[in-house]
Amino acid sequence: MLSDTRIRKAKAKAAAYQLTDGRGLFLLVTPTGGKLWRWKYRFDGVQKQVSYGQYPDVSLADARERHADARKLLANGVDPMAKRKAEKTEQRASEANSFRTVAQLWFAHWRVGKSERHADTTGRRLDANVYPLLGSRPIAEIEAPELVAMVKAIESRGAADLAKRALETTGQIFRYAIAHGYAKRNPAADIKPGDVLRSTRKVHFARVSAKELPALLRAIEVYRGKVVTRLAIKLMALTFVRTSELIGARWEEFDVDARRWDIPAERMKMKTPHIVPLSMQTIEILELLRTVTGNGELLFPGDRDHRKPMSNNTILVSLKRMGYGGVMTGHGFRGLASTILHEQGYLHEHIELQLAHTPRNAVSAAYNHALYLEPRAKMMQEWATFLERTQRKGKESISFD
């Protein structure tokens, strides 16, 4: 019988040779010095050979254990090689129908038309939160309690909103699986977030009151930070678009002659195009900005890589430097505009459309985004004039009169 010492001392020769351990188990020493475990046996009168791996990755003790297990199968009338092939085939089939494999097929289908940032974020959420618990499971065998365990594990980290998103995304993956024959039912459809997650208090984005607006506008006007950042904040106040829609703005989206900014669907939260009428004050800011960044594609390129937009936190950090940390955010301009415009009597439908809040389906999307464009343009010009007068005159200007 072999020993580790004898195996280690075995040297390569011009031709391969065998070191036997008994009962058909042997070590094949190759001309290149490789040492490979082999077992020869007969089944139904046919001689076969099984490989157990390479020494020292597979030790002498491991090889003998595998050999003993295989001999038991043979004694019970089972072909060890055929059984191993069947297990590998079953494993490959299981992997082909695993949640991770189907989810990756869904992801490749889903990401078409999505922004690169949105798709990357969704992919990272799957990698970090869903795959560790469900990835290797056959998708057709997953039941609702496993999804509950997943979202509760995410919630336990203090990420309740992420838990809801994970459940929503998982439901989309199961719908894809059903459509393509990988599963017959969607266990996520049996669960509502409120059934398994603790209710959370809705947190509104911080924003100043209307009475505090004049001081904020003056602080923005005299901000000594980067010119591009100051212009970005002024443009956000004038247009009250979402932060991501602002910082990703491209020069090709603006038609100054027509006085409009057309934001394409792929950059909008609701995935439908959006028109922002441009006031004269907004056009003035764009003209100033063009002298700084007009040679590139983006209005607000990043400091390190001009091909990517500025960071989401740039405006938030600048507001903090002005003394508005925790009391005003970029998103806060949206709430502020909505409140003041409603108080001044502008129609709710016009305000909601300009905020891109109104729900839109595939049929009405092309129509709604241009709806009420003339009164919205008038409202945006009057809003810009109001901001200009408020910044110059102070508290007594909190009125459109």
Protein backbone atom coordinates (compact mmCIF):
# COMPACT_ATOMS: atom_id res chain seq x y z
CA MET A 1 0.00 0.00 0.00
CA LEU A 2 1.06 3.59 -0.62
CA SER A 3 2.29 6.12 1.94
CA ASP A 4 2.58 9.91 1.74
CA THR A 5 6.36 9.62 1.93
CA ARG A 6 6.50 7.25 -1.03
CA ILE A 7 4.15 9.48 -3.04
CA ARG A 8 6.16 12.63 -2.34
CA LYS A 9 9.42 10.89 -3.36
CA ALA A 10 8.01 9.56 -6.63
CA LYS A 11 9.85 11.25 -9.53
CA ALA A 12 8.71 11.82 -13.10
CA LYS A 13 10.07 9.47 -15.77
CA ALA A 14 10.12 9.50 -19.54
CA ALA A 15 6.89 7.51 -19.58
CA ALA A 16 3.93 7.56 -17.23
CA TYR A 17 3.86 4.86 -14.58
CA GLN A 18 1.56 3.66 -11.79
CA LEU A 19 1.91 3.35 -8.02
CA THR A 20 -0.76 0.91 -6.82
CA ASP A 21 -2.63 1.10 -3.52
CA GLY A 22 -4.70 -2.03 -3.92
CA ARG A 23 -8.19 -3.01 -5.11
CA GLY A 24 -7.73 -1.12 -8.36
CA LEU A 25 -6.79 2.24 -6.81
CA PHE A 26 -3.52 3.65 -8.13
CA LEU A 27 -1.58 6.89 -8.57
CA LEU A 28 -0.57 7.78 -12.13
CA VAL A 29 2.74 9.67 -12.25
CA THR A 30 3.00 11.59 -15.55
CA PRO A 31 6.18 12.59 -17.43
CA THR A 32 5.56 16.21 -16.35
CA GLY A 33 5.47 15.27 -12.65
CA GLY A 34 1.70 15.26 -12.20
CA LYS A 35 0.30 12.69 -9.76
CA LEU A 36 -3.27 11.67 -10.60
CA TRP A 37 -5.59 9.35 -8.66
CA ARG A 38 -7.29 6.64 -10.74
CA TRP A 39 -9.45 3.56 -10.09
CA LYS A 40 -10.07 0.75 -12.53
CA TYR A 41 -13.11 -1.47 -12.15
CA ARG A 42 -15.46 -3.64 -14.19
CA PHE A 43 -19.21 -3.20 -14.52
CA ASP A 44 -21.39 -5.53 -16.59
CA GLY A 45 -18.21 -7.01 -18.04
CA VAL A 46 -16.88 -3.63 -19.21
CA GLN A 47 -13.68 -2.18 -17.78
CA LYS A 48 -13.96 1.45 -16.71
CA GLN A 49 -11.72 4.04 -15.07
CA VAL A 50 -12.62 6.83 -12.63
CA SER A 51 -10.53 9.93 -11.81
CA TYR A 52 -10.38 11.22 -8.24
CA GLY A 53 -8.27 14.33 -8.79
CA GLN A 54 -4.64 15.23 -8.32
CA TYR A 55 -2.28 14.74 -5.40
CA PRO A 56 -1.70 16.65 -3.09
CA ASP A 57 -5.04 18.50 -3.71
CA VAL A 58 -6.66 15.13 -3.04
CA SER A 59 -4.72 13.48 -0.22
CA LEU A 60 -4.06 9.75 0.13
CA ALA A 61 -6.72 9.52 2.84
CA ASP A 62 -9.28 11.40 0.69
CA ALA A 63 -8.59 9.17 -2.31
CA ARG A 64 -9.06 6.03 -0.20
CA GLU A 65 -12.33 7.38 1.21
CA ARG A 66 -13.71 8.14 -2.24
CA HIS A 67 -12.53 4.74 -3.44
CA ALA A 68 -14.28 2.98 -0.54
CA ASP A 69 -17.56 4.84 -1.22
CA ALA A 70 -17.42 3.90 -4.88
CA ARG A 71 -16.76 0.23 -4.06
CA LYS A 72 -19.90 0.19 -1.88
CA LEU A 73 -21.95 1.46 -4.82
CA LEU A 74 -20.43 -1.19 -7.06
CA ALA A 75 -21.23 -3.90 -4.50
CA ASN A 76 -24.89 -2.76 -4.60
CA GLY A 77 -25.04 -3.00 -8.39
CA VAL A 78 -24.62 0.73 -9.10
CA ASP A 79 -22.12 1.95 -11.68
CA PRO A 80 -20.06 4.63 -9.80
CA MET A 81 -19.11 6.46 -13.02
CA ALA A 82 -22.69 6.56 -14.32
CA LYS A 83 -23.92 7.84 -10.95
CA ARG A 84 -21.32 10.60 -10.91
CA LYS A 85 -22.27 11.70 -14.43
CA ALA A 86 -25.95 11.74 -13.46
CA GLU A 87 -25.18 13.89 -10.41
CA LYS A 88 -23.20 16.36 -12.53
CA THR A 89 -26.02 16.55 -15.06
CA GLU A 90 -28.51 17.15 -12.27
CA GLN A 91 -26.28 19.84 -10.77
CA ARG A 92 -25.94 21.62 -14.12
CA ALA A 93 -29.71 21.48 -14.60
CA SER A 94 -30.20 22.87 -11.08
CA GLU A 95 -27.76 25.70 -11.74
CA ALA A 96 -29.46 26.51 -15.05
CA ASN A 97 -32.75 26.93 -13.18
CA SER A 98 -31.34 28.60 -10.08
CA PHE A 99 -32.76 31.92 -8.93
CA ARG A 100 -29.47 33.66 -9.75
CA THR A 101 -29.37 32.34 -13.32
CA VAL A 102 -32.97 33.31 -14.05
CA ALA A 103 -32.50 36.67 -12.29
CA GLN A 104 -29.52 37.42 -14.53
CA LEU A 105 -31.62 36.65 -17.61
CA TRP A 106 -34.33 38.96 -16.26
CA PHE A 107 -31.77 41.67 -15.54
CA ALA A 108 -30.39 41.58 -19.09
CA HIS A 109 -33.95 41.95 -20.41
CA TRP A 110 -35.05 44.57 -17.88
CA ARG A 111 -32.07 46.92 -18.12
CA VAL A 112 -32.73 47.82 -21.77
CA GLY A 113 -33.79 51.46 -21.81
CA LYS A 114 -32.81 52.05 -18.17
CA SER A 115 -30.11 54.52 -17.20
CA GLU A 116 -26.71 53.00 -16.49
CA ARG A 117 -26.80 54.31 -12.92
CA HIS A 118 -30.24 52.84 -12.20
CA ALA A 119 -29.31 49.46 -13.70
CA ASP A 120 -26.01 49.29 -11.78
CA THR A 121 -27.76 50.14 -8.52
CA THR A 122 -30.34 47.40 -9.05
CA GLY A 123 -27.62 44.90 -9.93
CA ARG A 124 -25.65 45.72 -6.78
CA ARG A 125 -28.80 45.35 -4.63
CA LEU A 126 -29.34 41.86 -6.02
CA ASP A 127 -25.71 40.91 -5.42
CA ALA A 128 -25.66 42.19 -1.85
CA ASN A 129 -29.15 41.38 -0.58
CA VAL A 130 -30.95 38.74 -2.64
CA TYR A 131 -28.41 36.32 -4.12
CA PRO A 132 -26.75 35.38 -0.80
CA LEU A 133 -30.06 33.90 0.42
CA LEU A 134 -31.82 32.83 -2.78
CA GLY A 135 -29.18 32.69 -5.50
CA SER A 136 -28.41 28.98 -5.49
CA ARG A 137 -31.99 27.82 -4.87
CA PRO A 138 -33.97 26.32 -7.81
CA ILE A 139 -36.37 29.12 -8.62
CA ALA A 140 -39.35 26.78 -8.97
CA GLU A 141 -38.87 25.50 -5.41
CA ILE A 142 -38.73 28.85 -3.62
CA GLU A 143 -41.69 29.50 -1.32
CA ALA A 144 -43.07 32.64 0.32
CA PRO A 145 -41.44 32.01 3.75
CA GLU A 146 -38.01 32.20 2.12
CA LEU A 147 -38.84 35.63 0.70
CA VAL A 148 -40.10 36.73 4.11
CA ALA A 149 -36.81 35.60 5.68
CA MET A 150 -34.92 37.59 3.04
CA VAL A 151 -36.76 40.88 3.53
CA LYS A 152 -36.66 40.56 7.31
CA ALA A 153 -32.89 40.02 7.17
CA ILE A 154 -32.56 43.24 5.17
CA GLU A 155 -34.92 45.10 7.51
CA SER A 156 -32.88 43.98 10.53
CA ARG A 157 -29.98 46.08 9.18
CA GLY A 158 -32.18 49.18 9.40
CA ALA A 159 -32.90 49.20 5.65
CA ALA A 160 -36.70 48.89 5.53
CA ASP A 161 -37.02 50.75 2.23
CA LEU A 162 -34.37 48.50 0.67
CA ALA A 163 -36.30 45.45 1.94
CA LYS A 164 -39.43 46.65 0.11
CA ARG A 165 -37.44 47.23 -3.08
CA ALA A 166 -35.89 43.76 -2.84
CA LEU A 167 -39.34 42.19 -2.54
CA GLU A 168 -40.60 44.21 -5.51
CA THR A 169 -37.63 43.24 -7.68
CA THR A 170 -37.95 39.59 -6.66
CA GLY A 171 -41.58 39.66 -7.77
CA GLN A 172 -40.52 41.01 -11.19
CA ILE A 173 -37.99 38.18 -11.53
CA PHE A 174 -40.64 35.56 -10.73
CA ARG A 175 -43.00 37.05 -13.33
CA TYR A 176 -40.21 36.75 -15.89
CA ALA A 177 -39.58 33.16 -14.75
CA ILE A 178 -43.25 32.24 -15.22
CA ALA A 179 -43.37 33.84 -18.66
CA HIS A 180 -40.33 31.83 -19.80
CA GLY A 181 -41.21 28.51 -18.23
CA TYR A 182 -38.76 28.48 -15.29
CA ALA A 183 -41.47 28.60 -12.62
CA LYS A 184 -45.22 28.11 -12.35
CA ARG A 185 -46.10 30.62 -9.64
CA ASN A 186 -44.91 33.85 -8.06
CA PRO A 187 -44.58 33.52 -4.26
CA ALA A 188 -43.87 37.26 -3.99
CA ALA A 189 -47.44 37.91 -5.11
CA ASP A 190 -48.63 36.33 -1.85
CA ILE A 191 -46.79 38.91 0.26
CA LYS A 192 -47.38 42.59 0.87
CA PRO A 193 -44.66 44.61 2.63
CA GLY A 194 -47.12 45.58 5.37
CA ASP A 195 -47.67 41.89 6.18
CA VAL A 196 -44.07 41.26 7.18
CA LEU A 197 -42.29 44.60 7.65
CA ARG A 198 -42.76 47.13 10.42
CA SER A 199 -44.47 50.34 9.33
CA THR A 200 -42.13 53.29 9.01
CA ARG A 201 -42.84 56.94 9.41
CA LYS A 202 -42.55 58.78 6.12
CA VAL A 203 -39.68 61.25 6.17
CA HIS A 204 -40.05 64.36 4.04
CA PHE A 205 -37.06 66.03 2.46
CA ALA A 206 -35.80 68.92 4.56
CA ARG A 207 -36.70 72.34 3.26
CA VAL A 208 -36.94 75.89 4.50
CA SER A 209 -40.27 77.65 4.92
CA ALA A 210 -41.53 80.30 2.51
CA LYS A 211 -40.58 82.99 5.03
CA GLU A 212 -36.99 81.72 5.06
CA LEU A 213 -36.73 81.65 1.27
CA PRO A 214 -35.36 85.23 0.80
CA ALA A 215 -32.37 84.57 3.08
CA LEU A 216 -31.66 81.29 1.29
CA LEU A 217 -31.75 82.92 -2.14
CA ARG A 218 -29.34 85.65 -0.98
CA ALA A 219 -27.02 83.00 0.48
CA ILE A 220 -26.99 81.21 -2.88
CA GLU A 221 -26.29 84.46 -4.72
CA VAL A 222 -23.20 85.26 -2.65
CA TYR A 223 -21.95 81.66 -2.31
CA ARG A 224 -18.16 81.63 -2.72
CA GLY A 225 -17.87 78.02 -3.82
CA LYS A 226 -17.51 76.84 -7.41
CA VAL A 227 -19.40 78.88 -9.98
CA VAL A 228 -20.82 75.75 -11.64
CA THR A 229 -22.26 74.54 -8.32
CA ARG A 230 -23.85 77.91 -7.57
CA LEU A 231 -25.44 77.99 -11.03
CA ALA A 232 -26.67 74.43 -10.55
CA ILE A 233 -28.47 75.40 -7.33
CA LYS A 234 -30.00 78.47 -8.99
CA LEU A 235 -31.15 76.34 -11.92
CA MET A 236 -32.69 73.83 -9.52
CA ALA A 237 -34.60 76.59 -7.73
CA LEU A 238 -35.91 77.91 -11.05
CA THR A 239 -36.90 74.58 -12.61
CA PHE A 240 -37.53 72.43 -9.47
CA VAL A 241 -36.58 69.23 -11.28
CA ARG A 242 -35.20 66.24 -9.36
CA THR A 243 -31.50 66.32 -8.47
CA SER A 244 -30.67 63.37 -10.74
CA GLU A 245 -32.50 65.05 -13.65
CA LEU A 246 -30.56 68.27 -13.10
CA ILE A 247 -27.02 66.94 -12.71
CA GLY A 248 -27.42 64.61 -15.69
CA ALA A 249 -28.59 67.43 -18.00
CA ARG A 250 -26.97 67.51 -21.45
CA TRP A 251 -26.65 70.53 -23.69
CA GLU A 252 -28.40 68.73 -26.54
CA GLU A 253 -31.61 68.64 -24.46
CA PHE A 254 -32.00 72.46 -24.49
CA ASP A 255 -33.69 74.54 -27.18
CA VAL A 256 -33.13 78.12 -26.07
CA ASP A 257 -34.93 79.58 -29.11
CA ALA A 258 -38.05 77.55 -28.26
CA ARG A 259 -37.44 78.24 -24.56
CA ARG A 260 -37.78 74.62 -23.48
CA TRP A 261 -35.76 71.79 -21.93
CA ASP A 262 -36.76 68.33 -23.13
CA ILE A 263 -35.65 65.66 -20.65
CA PRO A 264 -35.73 62.22 -22.32
CA ALA A 265 -37.73 59.37 -20.82
CA GLU A 266 -34.70 57.31 -19.80
CA ARG A 267 -33.57 60.07 -17.42
CA MET A 268 -36.95 60.53 -15.77
CA LYS A 269 -38.15 58.72 -12.66
CA MET A 270 -41.46 57.88 -14.34
CA LYS A 271 -39.74 56.85 -17.59
CA THR A 272 -41.69 59.26 -19.78
CA PRO A 273 -40.34 62.45 -21.44
CA HIS A 274 -40.72 65.73 -19.58
CA ILE A 275 -40.77 69.32 -20.80
CA VAL A 276 -39.47 72.18 -18.67
CA PRO A 277 -40.42 75.62 -20.06
CA LEU A 278 -37.50 78.00 -19.69
CA SER A 279 -37.96 81.43 -18.15
CA MET A 280 -35.79 84.33 -19.23
CA GLN A 281 -33.90 84.09 -15.91
CA THR A 282 -33.19 80.42 -16.58
CA ILE A 283 -31.90 81.21 -20.06
CA GLU A 284 -29.54 83.81 -18.58
CA ILE A 285 -28.08 81.17 -16.25
CA LEU A 286 -27.68 78.74 -19.16
CA GLU A 287 -25.78 81.38 -21.12
CA LEU A 288 -23.43 81.93 -18.17
CA LEU A 289 -23.02 78.21 -17.71
CA ARG A 290 -22.24 77.67 -21.39
CA THR A 291 -19.11 79.79 -21.07
CA VAL A 292 -17.87 77.39 -18.38
CA THR A 293 -19.00 73.91 -19.52
CA GLY A 294 -20.41 74.53 -23.00
CA ASN A 295 -17.57 72.72 -24.75
CA GLY A 296 -18.64 69.38 -23.26
CA GLU A 297 -21.80 67.27 -23.43
CA LEU A 298 -22.86 67.76 -19.81
CA LEU A 299 -23.98 70.97 -18.12
CA PHE A 300 -22.51 69.79 -14.83
CA PRO A 301 -19.54 67.48 -15.45
CA GLY A 302 -17.73 65.82 -12.55
CA ASP A 303 -14.41 67.20 -11.32
CA ARG A 304 -12.47 63.97 -11.87
CA ASP A 305 -14.18 62.60 -14.96
CA HIS A 306 -15.84 65.13 -17.27
CA ARG A 307 -17.69 62.30 -19.02
CA LYS A 308 -19.75 61.69 -15.88
CA PRO A 309 -22.04 64.19 -14.10
CA MET A 310 -21.25 65.82 -10.79
CA SER A 311 -22.00 63.88 -7.62
CA ASN A 312 -25.50 63.73 -6.14
CA ASN A 313 -24.06 65.16 -2.91
CA THR A 314 -22.50 68.27 -4.48
CA ILE A 315 -25.60 70.45 -4.01
CA LEU A 316 -26.29 69.03 -0.55
CA VAL A 317 -22.72 69.76 0.60
CA SER A 318 -22.86 73.30 -0.81
CA LEU A 319 -26.11 74.03 1.02
CA LYS A 320 -24.49 72.77 4.21
CA ARG A 321 -21.57 75.17 3.69
CA MET A 322 -24.07 78.00 3.37
CA GLY A 323 -25.41 77.09 6.80
CA TYR A 324 -28.42 75.07 5.62
CA GLY A 325 -27.25 71.60 6.60
CA GLY A 326 -30.21 69.50 7.73
CA VAL A 327 -32.73 72.23 6.90
CA MET A 328 -32.60 72.35 3.09
CA THR A 329 -31.88 69.85 0.32
CA GLY A 330 -31.88 70.01 -3.45
CA HIS A 331 -35.14 68.09 -3.44
CA GLY A 332 -36.54 70.64 -1.01
CA PHE A 333 -36.90 73.16 -3.86
CA ARG A 334 -39.61 70.91 -5.33
CA GLY A 335 -41.67 70.92 -2.17
CA LEU A 336 -41.15 74.64 -1.69
CA ALA A 337 -42.28 75.42 -5.25
CA SER A 338 -45.32 73.17 -4.90
CA THR A 339 -46.39 74.80 -1.64
CA ILE A 340 -45.97 78.40 -2.82
CA LEU A 341 -47.52 77.84 -6.26
CA HIS A 342 -50.56 76.14 -4.72
CA GLU A 343 -50.93 78.97 -2.20
CA GLN A 344 -50.82 81.49 -5.05
CA GLY A 345 -53.73 79.77 -6.77
CA TYR A 346 -52.07 78.02 -9.69
CA LEU A 347 -53.98 74.98 -10.90
CA HIS A 348 -53.05 71.71 -9.22
CA GLU A 349 -52.89 69.89 -12.58
CA HIS A 350 -50.36 72.37 -13.96
CA ILE A 351 -48.15 72.16 -10.87
CA GLU A 352 -48.26 68.35 -10.72
CA LEU A 353 -47.39 68.02 -14.40
CA GLN A 354 -44.48 70.42 -13.99
CA LEU A 355 -43.26 68.38 -11.01
CA ALA A 356 -43.61 65.23 -13.19
CA HIS A 357 -45.81 63.73 -10.47
CA THR A 358 -48.86 62.84 -12.53
CA PRO A 359 -49.12 59.07 -13.13
CA ARG A 360 -48.65 58.20 -16.77
CA ASN A 361 -49.30 54.97 -18.62
CA ALA A 362 -47.81 53.90 -21.93
CA VAL A 363 -50.81 55.14 -23.91
CA SER A 364 -51.03 58.63 -22.43
CA ALA A 365 -47.29 59.29 -21.88
CA ALA A 366 -46.62 60.93 -25.24
CA TYR A 367 -49.65 63.18 -24.78
CA ASN A 368 -49.43 64.13 -21.12
CA HIS A 369 -45.84 65.32 -21.05
CA ALA A 370 -46.78 68.25 -23.32
CA LEU A 371 -50.18 68.87 -21.71
CA TYR A 372 -50.97 72.44 -20.55
CA LEU A 373 -47.63 73.58 -21.95
CA GLU A 374 -48.67 77.21 -22.52
CA PRO A 375 -50.04 77.86 -18.99
CA ARG A 376 -47.08 75.95 -17.53
CA ALA A 377 -44.67 78.21 -19.43
CA LYS A 378 -46.49 81.26 -18.04
CA MET A 379 -46.35 79.77 -14.53
CA MET A 380 -42.60 79.05 -14.79
CA GLN A 381 -41.85 82.60 -15.95
CA GLU A 382 -43.89 84.05 -13.09
CA TRP A 383 -42.15 81.70 -10.65
CA ALA A 384 -38.74 82.89 -11.88
CA THR A 385 -39.77 86.53 -11.57
CA PHE A 386 -41.06 85.86 -8.06
CA LEU A 387 -37.71 84.28 -7.04
CA GLU A 388 -35.78 87.20 -8.53
CA ARG A 389 -37.89 89.77 -6.72
CA THR A 390 -37.79 87.79 -3.47
CA GLN A 391 -34.01 87.57 -3.55
CA ARG A 392 -33.64 91.28 -4.15
CA LYS A 393 -36.32 92.69 -1.85
CA GLY A 394 -36.64 90.16 0.94
CA LYS A 395 -39.56 88.97 3.06
CA GLU A 396 -42.04 91.54 1.85
CA SER A 397 -41.91 89.89 -1.62
CA ILE A 398 -43.46 86.55 -0.65
CA SER A 399 -46.26 87.20 -3.11
CA PHE A 400 -46.77 87.13 -6.89
CA ASP A 401 -48.57 90.48 -6.81
